[in-house]
């Protein structure tokens, strides 16, 4: 009788352990399936974000006009952002080896244009040319101090804007605009510089006002 009872207890414990192990395996499998789905969802969200940012950029009709440019090509697949910042939103990509227009340099980012995509890309994605090296030299801190003096140079390094600054200084301080609207009259030349969230107004190359 005791032997039968002991054997029964062993079988019951074995069944419990087996049942628990099966349940653990089942739950682990479900968890793995959810992880795969979560990864797929996150990838889809990233793709949607890129598309949304790109369409929003086009919707704002930001055109790079009246700004001189040079051409170069991408050394690798390039991320295009809506501002010259590591935290900028990605609005598109340009494949390796594509010819693009390059406009200006700002804090290791180039203002570029390719087909309908306009924005900023890191200098590490582009092949430098002579004109680009010349533009970068104009942004060199020692060169800026030598040309404009210590006081103005410090304002530029702090990305400040102020009434009376010239267009060249504005480019050094906050980068080139995405669009320049120019009006010429008997009084001289009026320019509206369009940035993502800012407008600058120049009269005869001097900043007269701005709007954030």
Protein backbone atom coordinates (compact mmCIF):
# COMPACT_ATOMS: atom_id res chain seq x y z
CA UNK A 1 0.00 0.00 0.00
CA UNK A 2 2.78 2.40 0.95
CA UNK A 3 4.64 1.55 -2.27
CA UNK A 4 1.57 2.30 -4.36
CA UNK A 5 1.07 5.63 -2.57
CA UNK A 6 4.73 6.61 -3.00
CA UNK A 7 4.67 5.71 -6.68
CA UNK A 8 1.48 7.73 -7.16
CA UNK A 9 3.08 10.79 -5.52
CA UNK A 10 6.12 10.51 -7.79
CA UNK A 11 3.91 10.32 -10.88
CA UNK A 12 1.84 13.30 -9.74
CA UNK A 13 4.99 15.41 -9.12
CA UNK A 14 6.41 14.33 -12.48
CA UNK A 15 3.21 15.34 -14.23
CA UNK A 16 3.24 18.70 -12.44
CA UNK A 17 6.88 19.38 -13.40
CA UNK A 18 6.25 18.23 -16.98
CA UNK A 19 3.16 20.40 -17.17
CA UNK A 20 5.07 23.42 -15.79
CA UNK A 21 7.92 22.93 -18.28
CA UNK A 22 5.45 22.66 -21.15
CA UNK A 23 3.72 25.83 -19.98
CA UNK A 24 7.06 27.66 -19.73
CA UNK A 25 8.03 26.56 -23.24
CA UNK A 26 4.63 27.65 -24.55
CA UNK A 27 4.91 31.07 -22.93
CA UNK A 28 8.49 31.54 -24.18
CA UNK A 29 7.33 30.73 -27.70
CA UNK A 30 4.50 33.27 -27.43
CA UNK A 31 6.95 35.85 -26.09
CA UNK A 32 9.36 35.26 -29.01
CA UNK A 33 6.50 35.69 -31.46
CA UNK A 34 5.55 39.00 -29.86
CA UNK A 35 9.18 40.19 -29.98
CA UNK A 36 9.32 39.45 -33.71
CA UNK A 37 6.03 41.29 -34.27
CA UNK A 38 7.24 44.24 -32.16
CA UNK A 39 10.42 44.50 -34.26
CA UNK A 40 8.37 44.41 -37.46
CA UNK A 41 6.01 47.09 -36.09
CA UNK A 42 8.93 49.34 -35.01
CA UNK A 43 10.51 48.99 -38.47
CA UNK A 44 7.19 49.90 -40.09
CA UNK A 45 6.80 52.92 -37.80
CA UNK A 46 10.30 54.15 -38.73
CA UNK A 47 9.48 53.83 -42.43
CA UNK A 48 6.20 55.71 -41.91
CA UNK A 49 8.01 58.48 -39.99
CA UNK A 50 10.50 58.91 -42.85
CA UNK A 51 7.65 59.11 -45.37
CA UNK A 52 5.65 61.56 -43.23
CA UNK A 53 8.66 63.83 -42.72
CA UNK A 54 9.40 63.74 -46.44
CA UNK A 55 5.80 64.64 -47.41
CA UNK A 56 5.66 67.41 -44.80
CA UNK A 57 8.88 68.81 -46.23
CA UNK A 58 7.39 68.83 -49.75
CA UNK A 59 4.12 70.31 -48.49
CA UNK A 60 5.95 73.36 -47.16
CA UNK A 61 7.23 74.09 -50.68
CA UNK A 62 10.75 74.77 -49.48
CA UNK A 63 12.76 75.64 -52.57
CA UNK A 64 16.47 76.37 -52.59
CA UNK A 65 16.65 79.33 -54.93
CA UNK A 66 19.03 82.19 -55.63
CA UNK A 67 21.86 80.36 -53.85
CA UNK A 68 25.01 79.26 -55.64
CA UNK A 69 25.91 75.56 -55.48
CA UNK A 70 28.50 73.00 -56.44
CA UNK A 71 27.99 69.35 -57.31
CA UNK A 72 29.47 66.23 -55.75
CA UNK A 73 28.46 62.63 -55.18
CA UNK A 74 27.61 60.47 -52.19
CA UNK A 75 30.37 58.18 -50.94
CA UNK A 76 27.78 55.95 -49.22
CA UNK A 77 24.03 55.84 -48.62
CA UNK A 78 23.22 59.28 -47.17
CA UNK A 79 20.58 60.19 -44.59
CA UNK A 80 18.79 63.46 -45.34
CA UNK A 81 17.56 65.43 -42.31
CA UNK A 82 15.29 68.43 -41.92
CA UNK A 83 17.91 70.35 -39.93
CA UNK A 84 21.71 70.24 -39.43
CA UNK A 85 21.54 68.33 -36.19
CA UNK A 86 22.11 64.76 -35.01
CA UNK A 87 18.54 64.88 -33.60
CA UNK A 88 17.02 66.12 -36.86
CA UNK A 89 14.20 64.07 -38.39
CA UNK A 90 15.15 61.85 -41.34
CA UNK A 91 13.21 62.92 -44.45
CA UNK A 92 14.81 60.57 -46.96
CA UNK A 93 17.87 58.74 -48.24
CA UNK A 94 20.19 59.11 -51.23
CA UNK A 95 21.94 55.99 -52.55
CA UNK A 96 25.71 55.70 -52.86
CA UNK A 97 27.37 57.27 -55.91
CA UNK A 98 24.55 59.73 -56.77
CA UNK A 99 25.33 63.27 -58.01
CA UNK A 100 23.80 65.95 -55.75
CA UNK A 101 23.79 69.74 -55.44
CA UNK A 102 25.67 71.15 -52.42
CA UNK A 103 24.91 74.67 -51.17
CA UNK A 104 26.46 75.40 -47.80
CA UNK A 105 28.22 73.96 -44.76
CA UNK A 106 27.05 74.18 -41.14
CA UNK A 107 28.39 72.30 -38.09
CA UNK A 108 29.60 69.24 -40.08
CA UNK A 109 26.40 69.13 -42.17
CA UNK A 110 25.91 70.14 -45.81
CA UNK A 111 22.76 71.76 -47.17
CA UNK A 112 22.00 69.61 -50.24
CA UNK A 113 19.41 68.90 -52.91
CA UNK A 114 18.70 65.75 -54.93
CA UNK A 115 15.63 65.57 -57.17
CA UNK A 116 12.74 66.59 -54.92
CA UNK A 117 14.60 65.96 -51.65
CA UNK A 118 16.13 69.01 -49.96
CA UNK A 119 17.74 69.04 -46.54
CA UNK A 120 20.93 68.42 -44.60
CA UNK A 121 23.34 65.50 -44.67
CA UNK A 122 26.47 64.74 -42.68
CA UNK A 123 29.79 65.52 -44.36
CA UNK A 124 30.85 61.88 -43.86
CA UNK A 125 28.45 60.82 -46.64
CA UNK A 126 29.85 63.15 -49.34
CA UNK A 127 32.96 63.31 -51.49
CA UNK A 128 34.71 66.67 -50.97
CA UNK A 129 35.69 68.83 -53.92
CA UNK A 130 37.69 72.04 -54.24
CA UNK A 131 34.67 74.33 -53.89
CA UNK A 132 33.44 72.46 -50.82
CA UNK A 133 36.87 72.78 -49.19
CA UNK A 134 36.75 76.52 -49.88
CA UNK A 135 33.32 76.78 -48.23
CA UNK A 136 34.53 74.81 -45.18
CA UNK A 137 37.57 77.09 -44.87
CA UNK A 138 35.23 80.08 -44.64
CA UNK A 139 33.67 78.37 -41.59
CA UNK A 140 37.02 77.79 -39.87
CA UNK A 141 37.00 79.45 -36.43
CA UNK A 142 40.47 80.99 -36.67
CA UNK A 143 39.65 82.32 -40.13
CA UNK A 144 36.38 83.84 -38.85
CA UNK A 145 38.17 85.53 -35.93
CA UNK A 146 40.79 86.96 -38.27
CA UNK A 147 38.17 88.38 -40.66
CA UNK A 148 35.47 89.62 -38.27
CA UNK A 149 37.23 90.09 -34.93
CA UNK A 150 36.78 88.36 -31.57
CA UNK A 151 33.45 89.96 -30.60
CA UNK A 152 31.56 89.17 -33.81
CA UNK A 153 33.23 85.76 -34.05
CA UNK A 154 31.89 84.78 -30.61
CA UNK A 155 28.36 85.74 -31.69
CA UNK A 156 28.76 83.59 -34.78
CA UNK A 157 30.00 80.62 -32.75
CA UNK A 158 26.93 81.01 -30.48
CA UNK A 159 24.68 80.98 -33.59
CA UNK A 160 23.28 84.40 -32.70
CA UNK A 161 21.41 86.80 -34.98
CA UNK A 162 21.28 90.59 -34.59
CA UNK A 163 20.08 93.69 -36.40
CA UNK A 164 22.73 95.01 -38.79
CA UNK A 165 24.53 91.71 -39.38
CA UNK A 166 25.45 91.07 -43.00
CA UNK A 167 24.15 88.21 -45.13
CA UNK A 168 27.57 86.52 -45.09
CA UNK A 169 27.70 86.65 -41.29
CA UNK A 170 24.15 85.27 -41.07
CA UNK A 171 25.17 82.28 -43.19
CA UNK A 172 28.11 81.60 -40.91
CA UNK A 173 26.02 81.98 -37.77
CA UNK A 174 22.83 80.04 -38.57
CA UNK A 175 23.52 78.46 -41.96
CA UNK A 176 22.08 79.10 -45.41
CA UNK A 177 18.31 79.43 -45.82
CA UNK A 178 16.20 76.95 -47.72
CA UNK A 179 14.84 79.76 -49.88
CA UNK A 180 15.67 83.39 -50.69
CA UNK A 181 12.92 85.66 -52.03
CA UNK A 182 14.51 88.78 -53.58
CA UNK A 183 12.88 92.08 -54.57
CA UNK A 184 14.81 94.84 -56.35
CA UNK A 185 13.58 98.46 -56.49
CA UNK A 186 14.77 102.06 -56.51
CA UNK A 187 15.47 101.77 -52.78
CA UNK A 188 17.82 98.85 -53.29
CA UNK A 189 17.52 95.08 -52.73
CA UNK A 190 15.14 93.47 -50.23
CA UNK A 191 15.57 89.79 -49.35
CA UNK A 192 13.46 87.39 -47.32
CA UNK A 193 15.41 84.36 -46.11
CA UNK A 194 13.25 81.34 -45.36
CA UNK A 195 14.37 78.74 -42.80
CA UNK A 196 12.37 75.85 -41.38
CA UNK A 197 10.94 77.88 -38.48
CA UNK A 198 12.38 81.35 -39.04
CA UNK A 199 12.34 84.26 -41.50
CA UNK A 200 15.11 86.86 -41.89
CA UNK A 201 14.66 90.20 -43.71
CA UNK A 202 17.58 92.04 -45.30
CA UNK A 203 17.77 95.50 -46.85
CA UNK A 204 20.86 96.00 -49.02
CA UNK A 205 22.71 93.11 -47.35
CA UNK A 206 21.96 94.20 -43.75
CA UNK A 207 19.53 92.38 -41.44
CA UNK A 208 16.64 94.69 -40.52
CA UNK A 209 14.26 92.24 -38.78
CA UNK A 210 13.45 88.57 -38.25
CA UNK A 211 10.50 86.40 -37.31
CA UNK A 212 10.60 83.11 -35.35
